[in-house]
PDB file of N, CA and C in Angstrom:
ATOM      1  N   MET A   1      37.110 110.289  -8.979  1.00  0.00           N
ATOM      2  CA  MET A   1      38.548 109.406  -8.953  1.00  0.00           C
ATOM      3  C   MET A   1      38.102 108.147  -9.789  1.00  0.00           C
ATOM      4  N   ALA A   2      39.188 107.629 -10.268  1.00  0.00           N
ATOM      5  CA  ALA A   2      39.279 106.541 -11.087  1.00  0.00           C
ATOM      6  C   ALA A   2      38.967 105.216 -10.439  1.00  0.00           C
ATOM      7  N   GLU A   3      38.480 104.434 -11.136  1.00  0.00           N
ATOM      8  CA  GLU A   3      38.111 102.887 -10.367  1.00  0.00           C
ATOM      9  C   GLU A   3      39.128 102.191  -9.728  1.00  0.00           C
ATOM     10  N   ASP A   4      40.444 102.541 -10.463  1.00  0.00           N
ATOM     11  CA  ASP A   4      41.699 101.749 -10.076  1.00  0.00           C
ATOM     12  C   ASP A   4      42.375 102.376  -8.875  1.00  0.00           C
ATOM     13  N   GLN A   5      41.553 103.413  -8.352  1.00  0.00           N
ATOM     14  CA  GLN A   5      42.530 104.053  -6.970  1.00  0.00           C
ATOM     15  C   GLN A   5      41.790 103.630  -5.826  1.00  0.00           C
ATOM     16  N   LEU A   6      42.879 103.312  -5.013  1.00  0.00           N
ATOM     17  CA  LEU A   6      42.315 102.771  -3.735  1.00  0.00           C
ATOM     18  C   LEU A   6      42.419 104.046  -2.752  1.00  0.00           C
ATOM     19  N   VAL A   7      41.223 104.039  -2.091  1.00  0.00           N
ATOM     20  CA  VAL A   7      40.934 105.151  -0.948  1.00  0.00           C
ATOM     21  C   VAL A   7      41.260 104.510   0.492  1.00  0.00           C
ATOM     22  N   GLN A   8      42.294 105.134   1.286  1.00  0.00           N
ATOM     23  CA  GLN A   8      42.738 104.313   2.419  1.00  0.00           C
ATOM     24  C   GLN A   8      42.881 105.462   3.443  1.00  0.00           C
ATOM     25  N   GLU A   9      42.371 105.177   4.507  1.00  0.00           N
ATOM     26  CA  GLU A   9      42.568 106.053   5.666  1.00  0.00           C
ATOM     27  C   GLU A   9      44.026 106.165   6.193  1.00  0.00           C
ATOM     28  N   PHE A  10      44.610 107.198   6.401  1.00  0.00           N
ATOM     29  CA  PHE A  10      46.141 107.056   6.982  1.00  0.00           C
ATOM     30  C   PHE A  10      45.971 107.857   8.195  1.00  0.00           C
ATOM     31  N   ARG A  11      46.543 107.390   9.264  1.00  0.00           N
ATOM     32  CA  ARG A  11      46.894 107.811  10.595  1.00  0.00           C
ATOM     33  C   ARG A  11      45.708 108.532  11.121  1.00  0.00           C
ATOM     34  N   SER A  12      44.548 107.848  11.389  1.00  0.00           N
ATOM     35  CA  SER A  12      43.265 108.338  12.014  1.00  0.00           C
ATOM     36  C   SER A  12      43.658 108.665  13.363  1.00  0.00           C
ATOM     37  N   ARG A  13      43.463 110.090  13.707  1.00  0.00           N
ATOM     38  CA  ARG A  13      43.715 110.593  15.080  1.00  0.00           C
ATOM     39  C   ARG A  13      42.377 111.168  15.878  1.00  0.00           C
ATOM     40  N   ARG A  14      42.231 111.096  17.037  1.00  0.00           N
ATOM     41  CA  ARG A  14      41.212 111.507  17.786  1.00  0.00           C
ATOM     42  C   ARG A  14      41.689 112.691  18.541  1.00  0.00           C
ATOM     43  N   TYR A  15      41.135 113.806  18.642  1.00  0.00           N
ATOM     44  CA  TYR A  15      41.572 115.026  19.426  1.00  0.00           C
ATOM     45  C   TYR A  15      40.333 115.060  20.469  1.00  0.00           C
ATOM     46  N   MET A  16      40.742 115.347  21.867  1.00  0.00           N
ATOM     47  CA  MET A  16      39.784 115.884  22.940  1.00  0.00           C
ATOM     48  C   MET A  16      39.618 117.492  22.903  1.00  0.00           C
ATOM     49  N   VAL A  17      38.449 117.770  22.905  1.00  0.00           N
ATOM     50  CA  VAL A  17      38.177 119.244  23.057  1.00  0.00           C
ATOM     51  C   VAL A  17      37.216 119.333  24.407  1.00  0.00           C
ATOM     52  N   ILE A  18      37.862 120.082  25.137  1.00  0.00           N
ATOM     53  CA  ILE A  18      37.374 120.178  26.467  1.00  0.00           C
ATOM     54  C   ILE A  18      36.540 121.661  26.640  1.00  0.00           C
ATOM     55  N   THR A  19      35.342 121.670  27.070  1.00  0.00           N
ATOM     56  CA  THR A  19      34.582 122.919  26.921  1.00  0.00           C
ATOM     57  C   THR A  19      33.964 123.253  28.189  1.00  0.00           C
ATOM     58  N   ASP A  20      34.071 124.528  28.557  1.00  0.00           N
ATOM     59  CA  ASP A  20      33.004 125.198  29.623  1.00  0.00           C
ATOM     60  C   ASP A  20      32.158 126.170  28.893  1.00  0.00           C
ATOM     61  N   LEU A  21      30.941 125.824  28.365  1.00  0.00           N
ATOM     62  CA  LEU A  21      30.417 126.928  27.602  1.00  0.00           C
ATOM     63  C   LEU A  21      29.795 127.875  28.417  1.00  0.00           C
ATOM     64  N   GLN A  22      29.661 127.771  29.944  1.00  0.00           N
ATOM     65  CA  GLN A  22      29.109 129.025  30.600  1.00  0.00           C
ATOM     66  C   GLN A  22      30.261 130.064  30.650  1.00  0.00           C
ATOM     67  N   ASN A  23      31.490 129.473  30.782  1.00  0.00           N
ATOM     68  CA  ASN A  23      32.535 130.620  30.606  1.00  0.00           C
ATOM     69  C   ASN A  23      33.394 130.801  29.401  1.00  0.00           C
ATOM     70  N   GLU A  24      32.648 130.065  28.354  1.00  0.00           N
ATOM     71  CA  GLU A  24      33.311 130.352  26.992  1.00  0.00           C
ATOM     72  C   GLU A  24      34.589 129.975  26.999  1.00  0.00           C
ATOM     73  N   ASP A  25      35.067 128.825  27.677  1.00  0.00           N
ATOM     74  CA  ASP A  25      36.440 128.248  27.700  1.00  0.00           C
ATOM     75  C   ASP A  25      36.463 126.954  26.651  1.00  0.00           C
ATOM     76  N   LEU A  26      37.112 126.950  25.743  1.00  0.00           N
ATOM     77  CA  LEU A  26      37.437 125.999  24.866  1.00  0.00           C
ATOM     78  C   LEU A  26      38.938 125.421  24.739  1.00  0.00           C
ATOM     79  N   SER A  27      39.054 124.405  24.943  1.00  0.00           N
ATOM     80  CA  SER A  27      40.634 123.749  24.905  1.00  0.00           C
ATOM     81  C   SER A  27      40.463 122.637  24.176  1.00  0.00           C
ATOM     82  N   CYS A  28      41.664 122.414  23.381  1.00  0.00           N
ATOM     83  CA  CYS A  28      41.937 121.124  22.504  1.00  0.00           C
ATOM     84  C   CYS A  28      43.220 120.673  22.733  1.00  0.00           C
ATOM     85  N   ILE A  29      43.483 119.346  22.888  1.00  0.00           N
ATOM     86  CA  ILE A  29      44.863 118.952  23.147  1.00  0.00           C
ATOM     87  C   ILE A  29      45.819 119.126  22.150  1.00  0.00           C
ATOM     88  N   SER A  30      45.219 119.402  20.820  1.00  0.00           N
ATOM     89  CA  SER A  30      46.202 119.876  19.683  1.00  0.00           C
ATOM     90  C   SER A  30      47.102 120.989  19.992  1.00  0.00           C
ATOM     91  N   GLY A  31      46.704 121.817  20.858  1.00  0.00           N
ATOM     92  CA  GLY A  31      47.308 123.040  21.231  1.00  0.00           C
ATOM     93  C   GLY A  31      47.562 124.139  20.139  1.00  0.00           C
ATOM     94  N   LYS A  32      46.946 124.217  18.952  1.00  0.00           N
ATOM     95  CA  LYS A  32      47.120 124.916  18.020  1.00  0.00           C
ATOM     96  C   LYS A  32      46.939 126.412  18.458  1.00  0.00           C
ATOM     97  N   PHE A  33      45.986 126.815  19.313  1.00  0.00           N
ATOM     98  CA  PHE A  33      45.841 127.937  19.725  1.00  0.00           C
ATOM     99  C   PHE A  33      46.869 128.709  20.591  1.00  0.00           C
ATOM    100  N   GLN A  34      47.598 127.841  21.239  1.00  0.00           N
ATOM    101  CA  GLN A  34      49.024 128.184  22.216  1.00  0.00           C
ATOM    102  C   GLN A  34      49.940 128.198  21.231  1.00  0.00           C
ATOM    103  N   LYS A  35      50.002 127.355  20.219  1.00  0.00           N
ATOM    104  CA  LYS A  35      51.255 127.461  19.206  1.00  0.00           C
ATOM    105  C   LYS A  35      51.231 128.560  18.232  1.00  0.00           C
ATOM    106  N   ASP A  36      49.874 128.900  17.454  1.00  0.00           N
ATOM    107  CA  ASP A  36      49.692 129.800  16.395  1.00  0.00           C
ATOM    108  C   ASP A  36      48.648 130.730  16.659  1.00  0.00           C
ATOM    109  N   GLY A  37      48.075 130.908  17.930  1.00  0.00           N
ATOM    110  CA  GLY A  37      47.236 131.835  18.019  1.00  0.00           C
ATOM    111  C   GLY A  37      45.825 131.763  17.391  1.00  0.00           C
ATOM    112  N   MET A  38      45.545 130.715  16.747  1.00  0.00           N
ATOM    113  CA  MET A  38      44.333 130.338  16.163  1.00  0.00           C
ATOM    114  C   MET A  38      43.661 129.193  16.564  1.00  0.00           C
ATOM    115  N   LEU A  39      42.318 129.238  16.642  1.00  0.00           N
ATOM    116  CA  LEU A  39      41.557 128.166  17.139  1.00  0.00           C
ATOM    117  C   LEU A  39      41.681 126.931  16.045  1.00  0.00           C
ATOM    118  N   CYS A  40      41.768 125.668  16.476  1.00  0.00           N
ATOM    119  CA  CYS A  40      41.897 124.623  15.642  1.00  0.00           C
ATOM    120  C   CYS A  40      40.705 124.265  15.018  1.00  0.00           C
ATOM    121  N   CYS A  41      40.488 123.211  14.011  1.00  0.00           N
ATOM    122  CA  CYS A  41      39.363 122.910  13.406  1.00  0.00           C
ATOM    123  C   CYS A  41      38.590 122.170  14.462  1.00  0.00           C
ATOM    124  N   HIS A  42      39.163 121.403  15.341  1.00  0.00           N
ATOM    125  CA  HIS A  42      38.416 120.573  16.384  1.00  0.00           C
ATOM    126  C   HIS A  42      37.527 121.480  17.241  1.00  0.00           C
ATOM    127  N   ILE A  43      38.293 122.618  17.754  1.00  0.00           N
ATOM    128  CA  ILE A  43      37.241 123.547  18.397  1.00  0.00           C
ATOM    129  C   ILE A  43      36.069 124.325  17.706  1.00  0.00           C
ATOM    130  N   LEU A  44      36.677 124.371  16.416  1.00  0.00           N
ATOM    131  CA  LEU A  44      35.591 125.034  15.715  1.00  0.00           C
ATOM    132  C   LEU A  44      34.568 124.124  15.469  1.00  0.00           C
ATOM    133  N   LYS A  45      34.676 122.964  15.156  1.00  0.00           N
ATOM    134  CA  LYS A  45      33.640 121.760  14.959  1.00  0.00           C
ATOM    135  C   LYS A  45      32.738 121.684  16.156  1.00  0.00           C
ATOM    136  N   VAL A  46      33.401 121.645  17.257  1.00  0.00           N
ATOM    137  CA  VAL A  46      32.655 121.679  18.682  1.00  0.00           C
ATOM    138  C   VAL A  46      31.839 122.908  18.809  1.00  0.00           C
ATOM    139  N   MET A  47      32.186 123.963  18.324  1.00  0.00           N
ATOM    140  CA  MET A  47      31.529 125.194  18.278  1.00  0.00           C
ATOM    141  C   MET A  47      30.120 125.172  17.650  1.00  0.00           C
ATOM    142  N   MET A  48      30.482 124.770  16.367  1.00  0.00           N
ATOM    143  CA  MET A  48      29.322 124.486  15.227  1.00  0.00           C
ATOM    144  C   MET A  48      28.369 123.505  15.974  1.00  0.00           C
ATOM    145  N   LYS A  49      28.718 122.449  16.574  1.00  0.00           N
ATOM    146  CA  LYS A  49      27.823 121.376  16.978  1.00  0.00           C
ATOM    147  C   LYS A  49      27.092 121.926  18.090  1.00  0.00           C
ATOM    148  N   ASN A  50      27.656 122.714  18.932  1.00  0.00           N
ATOM    149  CA  ASN A  50      26.924 123.508  20.050  1.00  0.00           C
ATOM    150  C   ASN A  50      26.255 124.778  19.752  1.00  0.00           C
ATOM    151  N   ASP A  51      26.153 125.098  18.400  1.00  0.00           N
ATOM    152  CA  ASP A  51      25.683 126.375  17.865  1.00  0.00           C
ATOM    153  C   ASP A  51      25.993 127.571  18.455  1.00  0.00           C
ATOM    154  N   ILE A  52      27.432 127.801  18.803  1.00  0.00           N
ATOM    155  CA  ILE A  52      28.166 128.967  19.069  1.00  0.00           C
ATOM    156  C   ILE A  52      28.523 129.757  18.003  1.00  0.00           C
ATOM    157  N   ARG A  53      27.806 130.873  17.739  1.00  0.00           N
ATOM    158  CA  ARG A  53      27.830 131.569  16.587  1.00  0.00           C
ATOM    159  C   ARG A  53      29.127 132.486  16.392  1.00  0.00           C
ATOM    160  N   LYS A  54      29.583 132.868  17.568  1.00  0.00           N
ATOM    161  CA  LYS A  54      30.484 133.946  17.582  1.00  0.00           C
ATOM    162  C   LYS A  54      31.775 133.313  18.660  1.00  0.00           C
ATOM    163  N   ILE A  55      32.954 133.625  17.983  1.00  0.00           N
ATOM    164  CA  ILE A  55      34.135 133.135  18.735  1.00  0.00           C
ATOM    165  C   ILE A  55      34.430 134.287  19.809  1.00  0.00           C
ATOM    166  N   PRO A  56      34.613 133.622  21.089  1.00  0.00           N
ATOM    167  CA  PRO A  56      34.803 134.530  22.261  1.00  0.00           C
ATOM    168  C   PRO A  56      35.989 135.436  21.988  1.00  0.00           C
ATOM    169  N   ASP A  57      35.887 136.680  22.498  1.00  0.00           N
ATOM    170  CA  ASP A  57      37.206 137.635  22.228  1.00  0.00           C
ATOM    171  C   ASP A  57      38.372 137.239  22.661  1.00  0.00           C
ATOM    172  N   LYS A  58      38.246 136.351  23.594  1.00  0.00           N
ATOM    173  CA  LYS A  58      39.536 136.000  24.375  1.00  0.00           C
ATOM    174  C   LYS A  58      40.310 135.112  23.371  1.00  0.00           C
ATOM    175  N   TYR A  59      39.699 134.338  22.329  1.00  0.00           N
ATOM    176  CA  TYR A  59      40.401 133.609  21.184  1.00  0.00           C
ATOM    177  C   TYR A  59      40.614 134.404  19.956  1.00  0.00           C
ATOM    178  N   ILE A  60      40.672 135.821  20.024  1.00  0.00           N
ATOM    179  CA  ILE A  60      41.012 136.475  18.873  1.00  0.00           C
ATOM    180  C   ILE A  60      42.180 137.347  19.486  1.00  0.00           C
ATOM    181  N   ILE A  61      43.373 137.065  19.301  1.00  0.00           N
ATOM    182  CA  ILE A  61      44.748 137.583  20.044  1.00  0.00           C
ATOM    183  C   ILE A  61      44.737 138.904  19.172  1.00  0.00           C
ATOM    184  N   ASP A  62      45.536 139.709  19.971  1.00  0.00           N
ATOM    185  CA  ASP A  62      46.009 141.125  19.452  1.00  0.00           C
ATOM    186  C   ASP A  62      46.477 141.168  17.896  1.00  0.00           C
ATOM    187  N   ARG A  63      47.372 140.379  17.451  1.00  0.00           N
ATOM    188  CA  ARG A  63      48.021 140.175  16.248  1.00  0.00           C
ATOM    189  C   ARG A  63      46.948 140.125  15.200  1.00  0.00           C
ATOM    190  N   TRP A  64      45.910 139.574  15.338  1.00  0.00           N
ATOM    191  CA  TRP A  64      44.633 139.513  14.361  1.00  0.00           C
ATOM    192  C   TRP A  64      43.709 140.757  14.531  1.00  0.00           C
ATOM    193  N   ARG A  65      43.571 141.682  15.491  1.00  0.00           N
ATOM    194  CA  ARG A  65      43.011 142.628  15.533  1.00  0.00           C
ATOM    195  C   ARG A  65      43.471 143.909  14.742  1.00  0.00           C
ATOM    196  N   LYS A  66      42.533 144.795  14.488  1.00  0.00           N
ATOM    197  CA  LYS A  66      42.957 145.971  14.047  1.00  0.00           C
ATOM    198  C   LYS A  66      43.697 146.827  15.119  1.00  0.00           C
ATOM    199  N   LYS A  67      44.489 148.180  14.693  1.00  0.00           N
ATOM    200  CA  LYS A  67      45.406 148.679  15.690  1.00  0.00           C
ATOM    201  C   LYS A  67      44.457 149.398  16.881  1.00  0.00           C
ATOM    202  N   GLU A  68      43.250 149.735  16.444  1.00  0.00           N
ATOM    203  CA  GLU A  68      42.540 150.440  17.394  1.00  0.00           C
ATOM    204  C   GLU A  68      42.341 149.353  18.542  1.00  0.00           C
ATOM    205  N   LYS A  69      42.000 148.269  18.362  1.00  0.00           N
ATOM    206  CA  LYS A  69      41.699 147.389  19.131  1.00  0.00           C
ATOM    207  C   LYS A  69      42.740 146.977  20.227  1.00  0.00           C
ATOM    208  N   LYS A  70      43.996 146.997  19.614  1.00  0.00           N
ATOM    209  CA  LYS A  70      45.087 146.717  20.177  1.00  0.00           C
ATOM    210  C   LYS A  70      45.158 147.613  21.566  1.00  0.00           C
ATOM    211  N   MET A  71      44.926 148.843  21.419  1.00  0.00           N
ATOM    212  CA  MET A  71      45.425 149.767  22.226  1.00  0.00           C
ATOM    213  C   MET A  71      44.354 149.587  23.505  1.00  0.00           C
ATOM    214  N   ILE A  72      43.145 149.195  23.388  1.00  0.00           N
ATOM    215  CA  ILE A  72      42.089 148.940  24.236  1.00  0.00           C
ATOM    216  C   ILE A  72      42.416 147.921  25.152  1.00  0.00           C
ATOM    217  N   SER A  73      42.965 146.630  24.550  1.00  0.00           N
ATOM    218  CA  SER A  73      43.142 145.548  25.507  1.00  0.00           C
ATOM    219  C   SER A  73      43.677 145.577  26.551  1.00  0.00           C
ATOM    220  N   LYS A  74      43.313 144.757  27.770  1.00  0.00           N
ATOM    221  CA  LYS A  74      43.809 144.541  28.828  1.00  0.00           C
ATOM    222  C   LYS A  74      44.747 143.597  28.889  1.00  0.00           C
ATOM    223  N   ILE A  75      45.988 143.964  28.652  1.00  0.00           N
ATOM    224  CA  ILE A  75      47.110 142.927  28.595  1.00  0.00           C
ATOM    225  C   ILE A  75      47.081 141.912  29.839  1.00  0.00           C
ATOM    226  N   ASN A  76      46.985 142.412  31.027  1.00  0.00           N
ATOM    227  CA  ASN A  76      47.259 141.441  32.313  1.00  0.00           C
ATOM    228  C   ASN A  76      46.231 140.575  32.138  1.00  0.00           C
ATOM    229  N   VAL A  77      44.969 140.779  31.847  1.00  0.00           N
ATOM    230  CA  VAL A  77      43.876 139.866  31.727  1.00  0.00           C
ATOM    231  C   VAL A  77      43.999 138.906  30.855  1.00  0.00           C
ATOM    232  N   ARG A  78      44.503 139.256  29.505  1.00  0.00           N
ATOM    233  CA  ARG A  78      44.798 138.378  28.405  1.00  0.00           C
ATOM    234  C   ARG A  78      45.945 137.472  28.714  1.00  0.00           C
ATOM    235  N   LEU A  79      46.872 138.013  29.291  1.00  0.00           N
ATOM    236  CA  LEU A  79      48.049 137.156  29.640  1.00  0.00           C
ATOM    237  C   LEU A  79      47.735 136.007  30.820  1.00  0.00           C
ATOM    238  N   LEU A  80      46.789 136.386  31.783  1.00  0.00           N
ATOM    239  CA  LEU A  80      46.312 135.667  32.870  1.00  0.00           C
ATOM    240  C   LEU A  80      45.439 134.458  32.036  1.00  0.00           C
ATOM    241  N   VAL A  81      44.621 134.724  31.106  1.00  0.00           N
ATOM    242  CA  VAL A  81      43.724 133.909  30.637  1.00  0.00           C
ATOM    243  C   VAL A  81      44.438 132.800  29.805  1.00  0.00           C
ATOM    244  N   GLU A  82      45.478 133.327  28.978  1.00  0.00           N
ATOM    245  CA  GLU A  82      46.393 132.635  28.025  1.00  0.00           C
ATOM    246  C   GLU A  82      47.215 131.791  29.014  1.00  0.00           C
ATOM    247  N   ALA A  83      47.642 132.229  29.875  1.00  0.00           N
ATOM    248  CA  ALA A  83      48.524 131.275  30.983  1.00  0.00           C
ATOM    249  C   ALA A  83      47.601 130.077  31.476  1.00  0.00           C
ATOM    250  N   THR A  84      46.449 130.429  31.843  1.00  0.00           N
ATOM    251  CA  THR A  84      45.300 129.499  32.456  1.00  0.00           C
ATOM    252  C   THR A  84      45.056 128.520  31.294  1.00  0.00           C
ATOM    253  N   VAL A  85      45.040 128.996  30.127  1.00  0.00           N
ATOM    254  CA  VAL A  85      44.388 128.024  29.047  1.00  0.00           C
ATOM    255  C   VAL A  85      45.763 127.213  28.674  1.00  0.00           C
ATOM    256  N   LEU A  86      46.995 127.729  28.705  1.00  0.00           N
ATOM    257  CA  LEU A  86      48.189 126.984  28.433  1.00  0.00           C
ATOM    258  C   LEU A  86      48.551 125.888  29.546  1.00  0.00           C
ATOM    259  N   ARG A  87      48.099 126.153  30.821  1.00  0.00           N
ATOM    260  CA  ARG A  87      48.408 125.218  31.928  1.00  0.00           C
ATOM    261  C   ARG A  87      47.475 124.193  31.678  1.00  0.00           C
ATOM    262  N   PHE A  88      45.996 124.531  31.493  1.00  0.00           N
ATOM    263  CA  PHE A  88      45.079 123.482  31.164  1.00  0.00           C
ATOM    264  C   PHE A  88      45.512 122.441  29.924  1.00  0.00           C
ATOM    265  N   ASN A  89      45.689 123.034  28.850  1.00  0.00           N
ATOM    266  CA  ASN A  89      45.999 122.221  27.823  1.00  0.00           C
ATOM    267  C   ASN A  89      47.196 121.429  28.185  1.00  0.00           C
ATOM    268  N   ASN A  90      48.348 121.911  28.600  1.00  0.00           N
ATOM    269  CA  ASN A  90      49.562 120.924  29.024  1.00  0.00           C
ATOM    270  C   ASN A  90      49.157 119.865  29.939  1.00  0.00           C
ATOM    271  N   LEU A  91      48.282 120.198  31.170  1.00  0.00           N
ATOM    272  CA  LEU A  91      47.568 119.207  31.996  1.00  0.00           C
ATOM    273  C   LEU A  91      46.849 118.237  31.239  1.00  0.00           C
ATOM    274  N   SER A  92      46.004 118.544  30.218  1.00  0.00           N
ATOM    275  CA  SER A  92      44.942 117.693  29.488  1.00  0.00           C
ATOM    276  C   SER A  92      45.801 116.662  28.775  1.00  0.00           C
ATOM    277  N   LEU A  93      46.990 117.073  28.182  1.00  0.00           N
ATOM    278  CA  LEU A  93      47.760 116.078  27.085  1.00  0.00           C
ATOM    279  C   LEU A  93      48.398 115.164  28.492  1.00  0.00           C
ATOM    280  N   MET A  94      49.039 115.692  29.277  1.00  0.00           N
ATOM    281  CA  MET A  94      49.763 114.799  30.142  1.00  0.00           C
ATOM    282  C   MET A  94      48.741 113.752  30.702  1.00  0.00           C
ATOM    283  N   ALA A  95      47.557 114.199  31.085  1.00  0.00           N
ATOM    284  CA  ALA A  95      46.468 113.421  31.608  1.00  0.00           C
ATOM    285  C   ALA A  95      46.057 112.346  30.598  1.00  0.00           C
ATOM    286  N   ALA A  96      45.997 112.806  29.279  1.00  0.00           N
ATOM    287  CA  ALA A  96      45.525 112.000  28.306  1.00  0.00           C
ATOM    288  C   ALA A  96      46.529 110.754  27.982  1.00  0.00           C
ATOM    289  N   GLU A  97      47.744 111.044  27.987  1.00  0.00           N
ATOM    290  CA  GLU A  97      49.010 110.077  28.054  1.00  0.00           C
ATOM    291  C   GLU A  97      48.881 109.098  29.073  1.00  0.00           C
ATOM    292  N   MET A  98      48.874 109.806  30.199  1.00  0.00           N
ATOM    293  CA  MET A  98      48.633 108.883  31.634  1.00  0.00           C
ATOM    294  C   MET A  98      47.463 107.942  31.381  1.00  0.00           C
ATOM    295  N   ASN A  99      46.395 108.360  30.941  1.00  0.00           N
ATOM    296  CA  ASN A  99      45.082 107.691  30.901  1.00  0.00           C
ATOM    297  C   ASN A  99      45.414 106.439  29.830  1.00  0.00           C
ATOM    298  N   LEU A 100      46.015 106.819  28.823  1.00  0.00           N
ATOM    299  CA  LEU A 100      46.238 105.597  27.772  1.00  0.00           C
ATOM    300  C   LEU A 100      47.074 104.527  28.555  1.00  0.00           C
ATOM    301  N   GLU A 101      48.297 105.005  29.285  1.00  0.00           N
ATOM    302  CA  GLU A 101      48.789 103.869  29.830  1.00  0.00           C
ATOM    303  C   GLU A 101      48.115 103.356  30.952  1.00  0.00           C
ATOM    304  N   GLY A 102      47.388 103.976  31.780  1.00  0.00           N
ATOM    305  CA  GLY A 102      46.579 103.444  32.876  1.00  0.00           C
ATOM    306  C   GLY A 102      45.339 102.437  32.370  1.00  0.00           C
ATOM    307  N   SER A 103      45.183 102.663  31.201  1.00  0.00           N
ATOM    308  CA  SER A 103      43.856 101.792  30.550  1.00  0.00           C
ATOM    309  C   SER A 103      44.390 100.391  30.168  1.00  0.00           C
ATOM    310  N   LYS A 104      45.632 100.213  30.173  1.00  0.00           N
ATOM    311  CA  LYS A 104      46.206  98.944  29.418  1.00  0.00           C
ATOM    312  C   LYS A 104      45.955  97.770  30.296  1.00  0.00           C
ATOM    313  N   THR A 105      45.896  97.865  31.588  1.00  0.00           N
ATOM    314  CA  THR A 105      45.753  96.775  32.390  1.00  0.00           C
ATOM    315  C   THR A 105      44.725  96.871  33.563  1.00  0.00           C
ATOM    316  N   GLU A 106      44.210  95.923  34.103  1.00  0.00           N
ATOM    317  CA  GLU A 106      43.473  96.155  35.435  1.00  0.00           C
ATOM    318  C   GLU A 106      44.214  96.735  36.540  1.00  0.00           C
ATOM    319  N   ASP A 107      45.309  96.174  36.555  1.00  0.00           N
ATOM    320  CA  ASP A 107      46.268  96.713  37.710  1.00  0.00           C
ATOM    321  C   ASP A 107      46.438  98.224  37.804  1.00  0.00           C
ATOM    322  N   LYS A 108      46.930  98.586  36.471  1.00  0.00           N
ATOM    323  CA  LYS A 108      47.260  99.773  36.170  1.00  0.00           C
ATOM    324  C   LYS A 108      45.988 100.680  36.207  1.00  0.00           C
ATOM    325  N   TYR A 109      44.800 100.221  35.908  1.00  0.00           N
ATOM    326  CA  TYR A 109      43.628 101.141  35.853  1.00  0.00           C
ATOM    327  C   TYR A 109      43.351 101.395  37.313  1.00  0.00           C
ATOM    328  N   LYS A 110      43.403 100.497  38.319  1.00  0.00           N
ATOM    329  CA  LYS A 110      43.093 100.452  39.659  1.00  0.00           C
ATOM    330  C   LYS A 110      43.953 101.336  40.547  1.00  0.00           C
ATOM    331  N   TYR A 111      45.379 101.094  40.070  1.00  0.00           N
ATOM    332  CA  TYR A 111      46.232 102.085  40.613  1.00  0.00           C
ATOM    333  C   TYR A 111      45.966 103.629  40.300  1.00  0.00           C
ATOM    334  N   LEU A 112      45.772 103.862  39.085  1.00  0.00           N
ATOM    335  CA  LEU A 112      45.635 105.216  38.677  1.00  0.00           C
ATOM    336  C   LEU A 112      44.482 105.718  39.089  1.00  0.00           C
ATOM    337  N   SER A 113      43.399 104.981  39.345  1.00  0.00           N
ATOM    338  CA  SER A 113      42.005 105.240  39.655  1.00  0.00           C
ATOM    339  C   SER A 113      42.155 105.889  41.231  1.00  0.00           C
ATOM    340  N   LYS A 114      42.925 105.176  41.997  1.00  0.00           N
ATOM    341  CA  LYS A 114      43.218 105.582  43.448  1.00  0.00           C
ATOM    342  C   LYS A 114      44.083 106.791  43.667  1.00  0.00           C
ATOM    343  N   GLU A 115      45.206 106.762  42.599  1.00  0.00           N
ATOM    344  CA  GLU A 115      45.897 108.167  42.620  1.00  0.00           C
ATOM    345  C   GLU A 115      45.296 109.545  42.162  1.00  0.00           C
ATOM    346  N   ILE A 116      44.386 109.052  41.240  1.00  0.00           N
ATOM    347  CA  ILE A 116      43.492 110.452  40.797  1.00  0.00           C
ATOM    348  C   ILE A 116      42.587 110.713  41.792  1.00  0.00           C
ATOM    349  N   GLU A 117      42.010 110.014  42.626  1.00  0.00           N
ATOM    350  CA  GLU A 117      41.122 110.244  43.730  1.00  0.00           C
ATOM    351  C   GLU A 117      42.020 111.022  44.890  1.00  0.00           C
ATOM    352  N   ARG A 118      43.193 110.498  44.937  1.00  0.00           N
ATOM    353  CA  ARG A 118      43.957 111.012  46.245  1.00  0.00           C
ATOM    354  C   ARG A 118      44.403 112.377  45.647  1.00  0.00           C
ATOM    355  N   LEU A 119      44.744 112.558  44.400  1.00  0.00           N
ATOM    356  CA  LEU A 119      45.250 113.906  43.971  1.00  0.00           C
ATOM    357  C   LEU A 119      44.105 114.814  44.075  1.00  0.00           C
ATOM    358  N   THR A 120      43.073 114.547  43.585  1.00  0.00           N
ATOM    359  CA  THR A 120      41.635 115.335  43.614  1.00  0.00           C
ATOM    360  C   THR A 120      41.637 115.864  45.004  1.00  0.00           C
ATOM    361  N   LYS A 121      41.629 114.970  46.006  1.00  0.00           N
ATOM    362  CA  LYS A 121      41.537 115.525  47.378  1.00  0.00           C
ATOM    363  C   LYS A 121      42.577 116.461  47.781  1.00  0.00           C
ATOM    364  N   GLU A 122      43.845 116.109  47.412  1.00  0.00           N
ATOM    365  CA  GLU A 122      44.799 117.181  47.761  1.00  0.00           C
ATOM    366  C   GLU A 122      44.864 118.464  46.876  1.00  0.00           C
ATOM    367  N   LEU A 123      44.127 118.438  45.780  1.00  0.00           N
ATOM    368  CA  LEU A 123      43.923 119.777  45.237  1.00  0.00           C
ATOM    369  C   LEU A 123      42.915 120.618  45.801  1.00  0.00           C
ATOM    370  N   LYS A 124      41.874 119.687  46.258  1.00  0.00           N
ATOM    371  CA  LYS A 124      40.591 120.393  46.868  1.00  0.00           C
ATOM    372  C   LYS A 124      41.009 121.177  48.262  1.00  0.00           C
ATOM    373  N   GLU A 125      42.087 120.341  48.877  1.00  0.00           N
ATOM    374  CA  GLU A 125      42.631 120.896  50.166  1.00  0.00           C
ATOM    375  C   GLU A 125      43.510 122.271  50.040  1.00  0.00           C
ATOM    376  N   MET A 126      44.029 122.411  48.947  1.00  0.00           N
ATOM    377  CA  MET A 126      44.813 123.403  48.470  1.00  0.00           C
ATOM    378  C   MET A 126      44.035 124.675  48.481  1.00  0.00           C
ATOM    379  N   ASP A 127      42.741 124.424  48.062  1.00  0.00           N
ATOM    380  CA  ASP A 127      41.694 125.472  48.001  1.00  0.00           C
ATOM    381  C   ASP A 127      41.154 126.150  49.366  1.00  0.00           C
ATOM    382  N   LYS A 128      41.439 125.333  50.273  1.00  0.00           N
ATOM    383  CA  LYS A 128      40.963 125.662  51.793  1.00  0.00           C
ATOM    384  C   LYS A 128      42.006 126.507  52.455  1.00  0.00           C
ATOM    385  N   CYS A 129      43.112 126.511  51.986  1.00  0.00           N
ATOM    386  CA  CYS A 129      44.409 127.405  52.590  1.00  0.00           C
ATOM    387  C   CYS A 129      44.077 128.822  52.291  1.00  0.00           C
TER     388      CYS A 129
END
């Protein structure tokens, strides 16, 4: 790089990767897996940092597999996992936007904290039914 060139960071962004290492669930708010069927660099970086050396099979979708494996796959299970991950990613994105707004003032923070507690209780009650 020449001395007269200026290096400047442009649009620095942060991405949230949510992991459940026990169940091999990885999710990023970038949503690249849901859009393109490929894990994003954010998830891959988290995998490297946690010394995960093998990509879980559920993240290698059929269109990237050889034909032999496509015939063996269990479509219903895969669709259920993909739907769950999609719902999780959508909720994560909505929650991140809500948290951003809720952190702007002390009043918004207190209100949002109480609402999150209330919603969490309601969700747990739904499991009892």
